[in-house]
Every structure is written in C-alpha cells, then in structure tokens.
C-alpha cells in the first residue's frame, strides 16, 4: 500500500512539512511506501515536485 501526502504550505521545512514527515515515518515503519508532494511555495503554479521518501 502507498500513502501520499500533499504539503500546500508555502514554507518549505515549516511545521506542516514536519508534521507530514512524522506521519509518513510512522507509515514507513508499518511497512508502507510513502511519498510527499510539495505543492505550495515558489513555482507552485507548475506541477508539484515529487519527493520520494
């Protein structure tokens, strides 16, 4: 199973990203595949970048 998270916050490395990374870490420990998409911030009008954890 795969879990995807989307961060719409414009602050890269901010509290929202930290929270999402905490959740994704727990999912990984449970044996799931995870992805974090950064949709907010500079260049967000383009397709979001895919960050695979």
PDB file of N, CA and C in Angstrom:
ATOM      1  N   UNK A   1       0.844  -1.165   0.000  1.00  0.00           N
ATOM      2  CA  UNK A   1       0.000   0.000   0.000  1.00  0.00           C
ATOM      3  C   UNK A   1       0.897   1.238   0.000  1.00  0.00           C
ATOM      4  N   UNK A   2       0.412   2.290  -0.612  1.00  0.00           N
ATOM      5  CA  UNK A   2       1.162   3.536  -0.709  1.00  0.00           C
ATOM      6  C   UNK A   2       0.385   4.664  -0.048  1.00  0.00           C
ATOM      7  N   UNK A   3       1.082   5.500   0.693  1.00  0.00           N
ATOM      8  CA  UNK A   3       0.490   6.669   1.331  1.00  0.00           C
ATOM      9  C   UNK A   3       1.133   7.902   0.721  1.00  0.00           C
ATOM     10  N   UNK A   4       0.302   8.832   0.228  1.00  0.00           N
ATOM     11  CA  UNK A   4       0.797  10.077  -0.349  1.00  0.00           C
ATOM     12  C   UNK A   4       0.328  11.238   0.512  1.00  0.00           C
ATOM     13  N   UNK A   5       1.209  12.216   0.708  1.00  0.00           N
ATOM     14  CA  UNK A   5       0.873  13.420   1.462  1.00  0.00           C
ATOM     15  C   UNK A   5       1.159  14.629   0.579  1.00  0.00           C
ATOM     16  N   UNK A   6       0.296  15.632   0.669  1.00  0.00           N
ATOM     17  CA  UNK A   6       0.462  16.854  -0.111  1.00  0.00           C
ATOM     18  C   UNK A   6       0.641  18.020   0.856  1.00  0.00           C
ATOM     19  N   UNK A   7       1.750  18.729   0.718  1.00  0.00           N
ATOM     20  CA  UNK A   7       2.024  19.899   1.536  1.00  0.00           C
ATOM     21  C   UNK A   7       1.728  21.143   0.704  1.00  0.00           C
ATOM     22  N   UNK A   8       0.666  21.846   1.058  1.00  0.00           N
ATOM     23  CA  UNK A   8       0.298  23.065   0.347  1.00  0.00           C
ATOM     24  C   UNK A   8       0.865  24.327   0.973  1.00  0.00           C
ATOM     25  N   UNK A   9       1.599  24.164   2.062  1.00  0.00           N
ATOM     26  CA  UNK A   9       2.179  25.318   2.747  1.00  0.00           C
ATOM     27  C   UNK A   9       3.305  25.928   1.915  1.00  0.00           C
ATOM     28  N   UNK A  10       3.380  27.254   1.859  1.00  0.00           N
ATOM     29  CA  UNK A  10       4.462  27.892   1.107  1.00  0.00           C
ATOM     30  C   UNK A  10       5.803  27.840   1.842  1.00  0.00           C
ATOM     31  N   UNK A  11       5.812  27.416   3.113  1.00  0.00           N
ATOM     32  CA  UNK A  11       7.035  27.411   3.924  1.00  0.00           C
ATOM     33  C   UNK A  11       7.679  26.033   3.905  1.00  0.00           C
ATOM     34  N   UNK A  12       8.627  25.844   3.009  1.00  0.00           N
ATOM     35  CA  UNK A  12       9.338  24.568   2.950  1.00  0.00           C
ATOM     36  C   UNK A  12      10.126  24.397   4.240  1.00  0.00           C
ATOM     37  N   UNK A  13      10.015  23.221   4.850  1.00  0.00           N
ATOM     38  CA  UNK A  13      10.680  22.949   6.109  1.00  0.00           C
ATOM     39  C   UNK A  13       9.925  23.473   7.322  1.00  0.00           C
ATOM     40  N   UNK A  14       8.700  23.955   7.107  1.00  0.00           N
ATOM     41  CA  UNK A  14       7.897  24.502   8.199  1.00  0.00           C
ATOM     42  C   UNK A  14       7.182  23.420   8.994  1.00  0.00           C
ATOM     43  N   UNK A  15       6.288  23.851   9.869  1.00  0.00           N
ATOM     44  CA  UNK A  15       5.586  22.923  10.755  1.00  0.00           C
ATOM     45  C   UNK A  15       4.734  21.905  10.015  1.00  0.00           C
ATOM     46  N   UNK A  16       4.076  22.323   8.933  1.00  0.00           N
ATOM     47  CA  UNK A  16       3.242  21.391   8.173  1.00  0.00           C
ATOM     48  C   UNK A  16       4.083  20.272   7.593  1.00  0.00           C
ATOM     49  N   UNK A  17       5.219  20.605   7.019  1.00  0.00           N
ATOM     50  CA  UNK A  17       6.092  19.585   6.449  1.00  0.00           C
ATOM     51  C   UNK A  17       6.624  18.646   7.538  1.00  0.00           C
ATOM     52  N   UNK A  18       6.981  19.211   8.689  1.00  0.00           N
ATOM     53  CA  UNK A  18       7.462  18.381   9.796  1.00  0.00           C
ATOM     54  C   UNK A  18       6.392  17.390  10.252  1.00  0.00           C
ATOM     55  N   UNK A  19       5.145  17.876  10.355  1.00  0.00           N
ATOM     56  CA  UNK A  19       4.046  17.005  10.765  1.00  0.00           C
ATOM     57  C   UNK A  19       3.816  15.895   9.748  1.00  0.00           C
ATOM     58  N   UNK A  20       3.807  16.256   8.466  1.00  0.00           N
ATOM     59  CA  UNK A  20       3.607  15.250   7.422  1.00  0.00           C
ATOM     60  C   UNK A  20       4.734  14.222   7.429  1.00  0.00           C
ATOM     61  N   UNK A  21       5.969  14.662   7.622  1.00  0.00           N
ATOM     62  CA  UNK A  21       7.091  13.729   7.683  1.00  0.00           C
ATOM     63  C   UNK A  21       6.975  12.784   8.876  1.00  0.00           C
ATOM     64  N   UNK A  22       6.454  13.278  10.000  1.00  0.00           N
ATOM     65  CA  UNK A  22       6.242  12.417  11.167  1.00  0.00           C
ATOM     66  C   UNK A  22       5.239  11.312  10.839  1.00  0.00           C
ATOM     67  N   UNK A  23       4.141  11.683  10.211  1.00  0.00           N
ATOM     68  CA  UNK A  23       3.117  10.703   9.823  1.00  0.00           C
ATOM     69  C   UNK A  23       3.693   9.708   8.824  1.00  0.00           C
ATOM     70  N   UNK A  24       4.431  10.199   7.836  1.00  0.00           N
ATOM     71  CA  UNK A  24       4.994   9.315   6.819  1.00  0.00           C
ATOM     72  C   UNK A  24       6.036   8.372   7.407  1.00  0.00           C
ATOM     73  N   UNK A  25       6.776   8.829   8.402  1.00  0.00           N
ATOM     74  CA  UNK A  25       7.755   7.964   9.061  1.00  0.00           C
ATOM     75  C   UNK A  25       7.063   6.798   9.762  1.00  0.00           C
ATOM     76  N   UNK A  26       5.968   7.073  10.443  1.00  0.00           N
ATOM     77  CA  UNK A  26       5.200   6.019  11.111  1.00  0.00           C
ATOM     78  C   UNK A  26       4.649   5.035  10.070  1.00  0.00           C
ATOM     79  N   UNK A  27       4.195   5.552   8.943  1.00  0.00           N
ATOM     80  CA  UNK A  27       3.680   4.691   7.867  1.00  0.00           C
ATOM     81  C   UNK A  27       4.788   3.792   7.325  1.00  0.00           C
ATOM     82  N   UNK A  28       5.981   4.357   7.164  1.00  0.00           N
ATOM     83  CA  UNK A  28       7.111   3.562   6.680  1.00  0.00           C
ATOM     84  C   UNK A  28       7.470   2.469   7.674  1.00  0.00           C
ATOM     85  N   UNK A  29       7.437   2.782   8.950  1.00  0.00           N
ATOM     86  CA  UNK A  29       7.740   1.794   9.978  1.00  0.00           C
ATOM     87  C   UNK A  29       6.728   0.651   9.970  1.00  0.00           C
ATOM     88  N   UNK A  30       5.517   0.936   9.477  1.00  0.00           N
ATOM     89  CA  UNK A  30       4.476  -0.088   9.361  1.00  0.00           C
ATOM     90  C   UNK A  30       4.597  -0.858   8.041  1.00  0.00           C
ATOM     91  N   UNK A  31       5.626  -0.531   7.245  1.00  0.00           N
ATOM     92  CA  UNK A  31       5.871  -1.259   6.004  1.00  0.00           C
ATOM     93  C   UNK A  31       5.206  -0.689   4.774  1.00  0.00           C
ATOM     94  N   UNK A  32       4.732   0.544   4.861  1.00  0.00           N
ATOM     95  CA  UNK A  32       4.067   1.176   3.724  1.00  0.00           C
ATOM     96  C   UNK A  32       5.054   2.018   2.926  1.00  0.00           C
ATOM     97  N   UNK A  33       4.756   2.204   1.647  1.00  0.00           N
ATOM     98  CA  UNK A  33       5.527   3.087   0.785  1.00  0.00           C
ATOM     99  C   UNK A  33       4.927   4.483   0.915  1.00  0.00           C
ATOM    100  N   UNK A  34       5.783   5.506   0.988  1.00  0.00           N
ATOM    101  CA  UNK A  34       5.279   6.872   1.174  1.00  0.00           C
ATOM    102  C   UNK A  34       5.847   7.830   0.141  1.00  0.00           C
ATOM    103  N   UNK A  35       5.098   8.913  -0.092  1.00  0.00           N
ATOM    104  CA  UNK A  35       5.523   9.999  -0.974  1.00  0.00           C
ATOM    105  C   UNK A  35       5.054  11.315  -0.364  1.00  0.00           C
ATOM    106  N   UNK A  36       5.867  12.339  -0.515  1.00  0.00           N
ATOM    107  CA  UNK A  36       5.492  13.681  -0.084  1.00  0.00           C
ATOM    108  C   UNK A  36       5.556  14.603  -1.288  1.00  0.00           C
ATOM    109  N   UNK A  37       4.443  15.261  -1.598  1.00  0.00           N
ATOM    110  CA  UNK A  37       4.382  16.219  -2.691  1.00  0.00           C
ATOM    111  C   UNK A  37       4.392  17.623  -2.106  1.00  0.00           C
ATOM    112  N   UNK A  38       5.296  18.474  -2.581  1.00  0.00           N
ATOM    113  CA  UNK A  38       5.352  19.867  -2.154  1.00  0.00           C
ATOM    114  C   UNK A  38       4.601  20.692  -3.196  1.00  0.00           C
ATOM    115  N   UNK A  39       3.385  21.118  -2.869  1.00  0.00           N
ATOM    116  CA  UNK A  39       2.557  21.858  -3.822  1.00  0.00           C
ATOM    117  C   UNK A  39       2.602  23.363  -3.590  1.00  0.00           C
ATOM    118  N   UNK A  40       2.956  23.808  -2.403  1.00  0.00           N
ATOM    119  CA  UNK A  40       2.991  25.234  -2.095  1.00  0.00           C
ATOM    120  C   UNK A  40       4.380  25.812  -2.290  1.00  0.00           C
ATOM    121  N   UNK A  41       4.447  27.119  -2.281  1.00  0.00           N
ATOM    122  CA  UNK A  41       5.743  27.794  -2.384  1.00  0.00           C
ATOM    123  C   UNK A  41       6.040  28.253  -3.785  1.00  0.00           C
ATOM    124  N   UNK A  42       7.268  28.671  -3.999  1.00  0.00           N
ATOM    125  CA  UNK A  42       7.701  29.190  -5.301  1.00  0.00           C
ATOM    126  C   UNK A  42       7.503  28.158  -6.391  1.00  0.00           C
ATOM    127  N   UNK A  43       6.944  28.580  -7.483  1.00  0.00           N
ATOM    128  CA  UNK A  43       6.734  27.675  -8.614  1.00  0.00           C
ATOM    129  C   UNK A  43       5.537  26.759  -8.444  1.00  0.00           C
ATOM    130  N   UNK A  44       4.664  27.026  -7.470  1.00  0.00           N
ATOM    131  CA  UNK A  44       3.547  26.121  -7.222  1.00  0.00           C
ATOM    132  C   UNK A  44       2.494  26.166  -8.323  1.00  0.00           C
ATOM    133  N   UNK A  45       2.588  27.128  -9.236  1.00  0.00           N
ATOM    134  CA  UNK A  45       1.654  27.161 -10.348  1.00  0.00           C
ATOM    135  C   UNK A  45       1.945  26.023 -11.334  1.00  0.00           C
ATOM    136  N   UNK A  46       3.164  25.496 -11.265  1.00  0.00           N
ATOM    137  CA  UNK A  46       3.534  24.353 -12.100  1.00  0.00           C
ATOM    138  C   UNK A  46       3.126  23.074 -11.390  1.00  0.00           C
ATOM    139  N   UNK A  47       3.371  21.968 -12.023  1.00  0.00           N
ATOM    140  CA  UNK A  47       3.091  20.688 -11.379  1.00  0.00           C
ATOM    141  C   UNK A  47       3.964  20.541 -10.145  1.00  0.00           C
ATOM    142  N   UNK A  48       3.406  19.976  -9.059  1.00  0.00           N
ATOM    143  CA  UNK A  48       4.186  19.836  -7.838  1.00  0.00           C
ATOM    144  C   UNK A  48       5.338  18.867  -8.013  1.00  0.00           C
ATOM    145  N   UNK A  49       6.430  19.147  -7.325  1.00  0.00           N
ATOM    146  CA  UNK A  49       7.572  18.245  -7.352  1.00  0.00           C
ATOM    147  C   UNK A  49       7.281  17.013  -6.519  1.00  0.00           C
ATOM    148  N   UNK A  50       7.796  15.886  -6.932  1.00  0.00           N
ATOM    149  CA  UNK A  50       7.557  14.638  -6.219  1.00  0.00           C
ATOM    150  C   UNK A  50       8.803  14.306  -5.410  1.00  0.00           C
ATOM    151  N   UNK A  51       8.630  14.198  -4.117  1.00  0.00           N
ATOM    152  CA  UNK A  51       9.726  13.828  -3.226  1.00  0.00           C
ATOM    153  C   UNK A  51       9.443  12.436  -2.687  1.00  0.00           C
ATOM    154  N   UNK A  52      10.216  11.479  -3.095  1.00  0.00           N
ATOM    155  CA  UNK A  52      10.004  10.123  -2.629  1.00  0.00           C
ATOM    156  C   UNK A  52      10.855   9.879  -1.396  1.00  0.00           C
ATOM    157  N   UNK A  53      10.231   9.382  -0.360  1.00  0.00           N
ATOM    158  CA  UNK A  53      10.929   9.107   0.900  1.00  0.00           C
ATOM    159  C   UNK A  53      11.390   7.678   0.928  1.00  0.00           C
TER     160      UNK A  53
END
